């Protein structure tokens, strides 16, 4: 399960200048973290970005934690 969630974050030099994105879509993890830190909820993000699903946000939210370990 953990590996499946981690695989939702992809890095491709041809997409968003190689920044980590969600499932290879053009949604940089950095942008999603900024929106969450700014007070948007996952529900609001799901409404604004209909091609994302709730499960996409678990690895996004866990990335900073993993970098701190």
C-alpha atoms as a PDB file:
ATOM      1  CA  UNK A   1       0.000   0.000   0.000  1.00  0.00           C
ATOM      2  CA  UNK A   2       2.752   2.470   0.969  1.00  0.00           C
ATOM      3  CA  UNK A   3       4.651   1.861  -2.274  1.00  0.00           C
ATOM      4  CA  UNK A   4       1.462   2.339  -4.296  1.00  0.00           C
ATOM      5  CA  UNK A   5       0.943   5.727  -2.661  1.00  0.00           C
ATOM      6  CA  UNK A   6       4.557   6.758  -3.183  1.00  0.00           C
ATOM      7  CA  UNK A   7       4.293   5.820  -6.867  1.00  0.00           C
ATOM      8  CA  UNK A   8       1.664   8.545  -7.269  1.00  0.00           C
ATOM      9  CA  UNK A   9       4.495  11.084  -7.101  1.00  0.00           C
ATOM     10  CA  UNK A  10       6.457  11.082 -10.321  1.00  0.00           C
ATOM     11  CA  UNK A  11       9.498  12.952 -11.571  1.00  0.00           C
ATOM     12  CA  UNK A  12       9.924  13.365 -15.316  1.00  0.00           C
ATOM     13  CA  UNK A  13      12.350  15.908 -16.790  1.00  0.00           C
ATOM     14  CA  UNK A  14       9.846  16.565 -19.593  1.00  0.00           C
ATOM     15  CA  UNK A  15       7.009  17.499 -17.221  1.00  0.00           C
ATOM     16  CA  UNK A  16       7.099  20.691 -15.116  1.00  0.00           C
ATOM     17  CA  UNK A  17      10.898  21.008 -15.499  1.00  0.00           C
ATOM     18  CA  UNK A  18      11.461  17.773 -13.577  1.00  0.00           C
ATOM     19  CA  UNK A  19       9.644  18.866 -10.428  1.00  0.00           C
ATOM     20  CA  UNK A  20       7.735  16.137  -8.563  1.00  0.00           C
ATOM     21  CA  UNK A  21       4.163  15.942  -9.863  1.00  0.00           C
ATOM     22  CA  UNK A  22       1.070  13.935  -9.062  1.00  0.00           C
ATOM     23  CA  UNK A  23       0.769  10.877 -11.333  1.00  0.00           C
ATOM     24  CA  UNK A  24       2.694  12.555 -14.135  1.00  0.00           C
ATOM     25  CA  UNK A  25      -0.016  15.156 -14.505  1.00  0.00           C
ATOM     26  CA  UNK A  26       1.024  18.771 -14.611  1.00  0.00           C
ATOM     27  CA  UNK A  27       0.222  19.347 -10.952  1.00  0.00           C
ATOM     28  CA  UNK A  28       3.483  19.976  -9.101  1.00  0.00           C
ATOM     29  CA  UNK A  29       3.573  18.684  -5.545  1.00  0.00           C
ATOM     30  CA  UNK A  30       5.017  22.054  -4.529  1.00  0.00           C
ATOM     31  CA  UNK A  31       1.889  23.867  -5.736  1.00  0.00           C
ATOM     32  CA  UNK A  32      -0.445  21.478  -3.943  1.00  0.00           C
ATOM     33  CA  UNK A  33       1.530  21.901  -0.700  1.00  0.00           C
ATOM     34  CA  UNK A  34       1.378  25.692  -1.075  1.00  0.00           C
ATOM     35  CA  UNK A  35      -2.389  25.567  -1.545  1.00  0.00           C
ATOM     36  CA  UNK A  36      -2.823  23.299   1.475  1.00  0.00           C
ATOM     37  CA  UNK A  37      -0.528  25.500   3.582  1.00  0.00           C
ATOM     38  CA  UNK A  38      -2.555  28.508   2.473  1.00  0.00           C
ATOM     39  CA  UNK A  39      -5.672  27.015   3.995  1.00  0.00           C
ATOM     40  CA  UNK A  40      -7.365  25.133   1.161  1.00  0.00           C
ATOM     41  CA  UNK A  41      -8.823  21.789   2.122  1.00  0.00           C
ATOM     42  CA  UNK A  42      -8.406  18.571   0.184  1.00  0.00           C
ATOM     43  CA  UNK A  43     -12.118  18.756  -0.622  1.00  0.00           C
ATOM     44  CA  UNK A  44     -11.652  22.212  -2.176  1.00  0.00           C
ATOM     45  CA  UNK A  45      -8.670  21.004  -4.180  1.00  0.00           C
ATOM     46  CA  UNK A  46     -10.661  18.020  -5.449  1.00  0.00           C
ATOM     47  CA  UNK A  47     -13.355  20.411  -6.640  1.00  0.00           C
ATOM     48  CA  UNK A  48     -10.803  22.657  -8.368  1.00  0.00           C
ATOM     49  CA  UNK A  49      -8.790  19.774  -9.877  1.00  0.00           C
ATOM     50  CA  UNK A  50     -11.359  17.121 -10.875  1.00  0.00           C
ATOM     51  CA  UNK A  51      -8.794  14.746 -12.397  1.00  0.00           C
ATOM     52  CA  UNK A  52      -7.191  14.274  -8.963  1.00  0.00           C
ATOM     53  CA  UNK A  53      -8.514  11.841  -6.368  1.00  0.00           C
ATOM     54  CA  UNK A  54      -8.286  11.880  -2.584  1.00  0.00           C
ATOM     55  CA  UNK A  55      -5.574   9.187  -2.598  1.00  0.00           C
ATOM     56  CA  UNK A  56      -3.306  11.539  -4.565  1.00  0.00           C
ATOM     57  CA  UNK A  57      -2.974  13.811  -1.548  1.00  0.00           C
ATOM     58  CA  UNK A  58      -1.643  11.275   0.990  1.00  0.00           C
ATOM     59  CA  UNK A  59       1.816  11.076  -0.584  1.00  0.00           C
ATOM     60  CA  UNK A  60       1.776  14.847  -1.187  1.00  0.00           C
ATOM     61  CA  UNK A  61       1.167  15.463   2.513  1.00  0.00           C
ATOM     62  CA  UNK A  62       3.740  12.854   3.555  1.00  0.00           C
ATOM     63  CA  UNK A  63       6.591  14.068   1.327  1.00  0.00           C
ATOM     64  CA  UNK A  64       7.838  16.750   3.740  1.00  0.00           C
ATOM     65  CA  UNK A  65       7.742  14.240   6.600  1.00  0.00           C
ATOM     66  CA  UNK A  66       9.798  11.751   4.604  1.00  0.00           C
ATOM     67  CA  UNK A  67      12.372  14.441   3.763  1.00  0.00           C
ATOM     68  CA  UNK A  68      12.805  15.178   7.480  1.00  0.00           C
ATOM     69  CA  UNK A  69      13.657  11.577   8.377  1.00  0.00           C
END
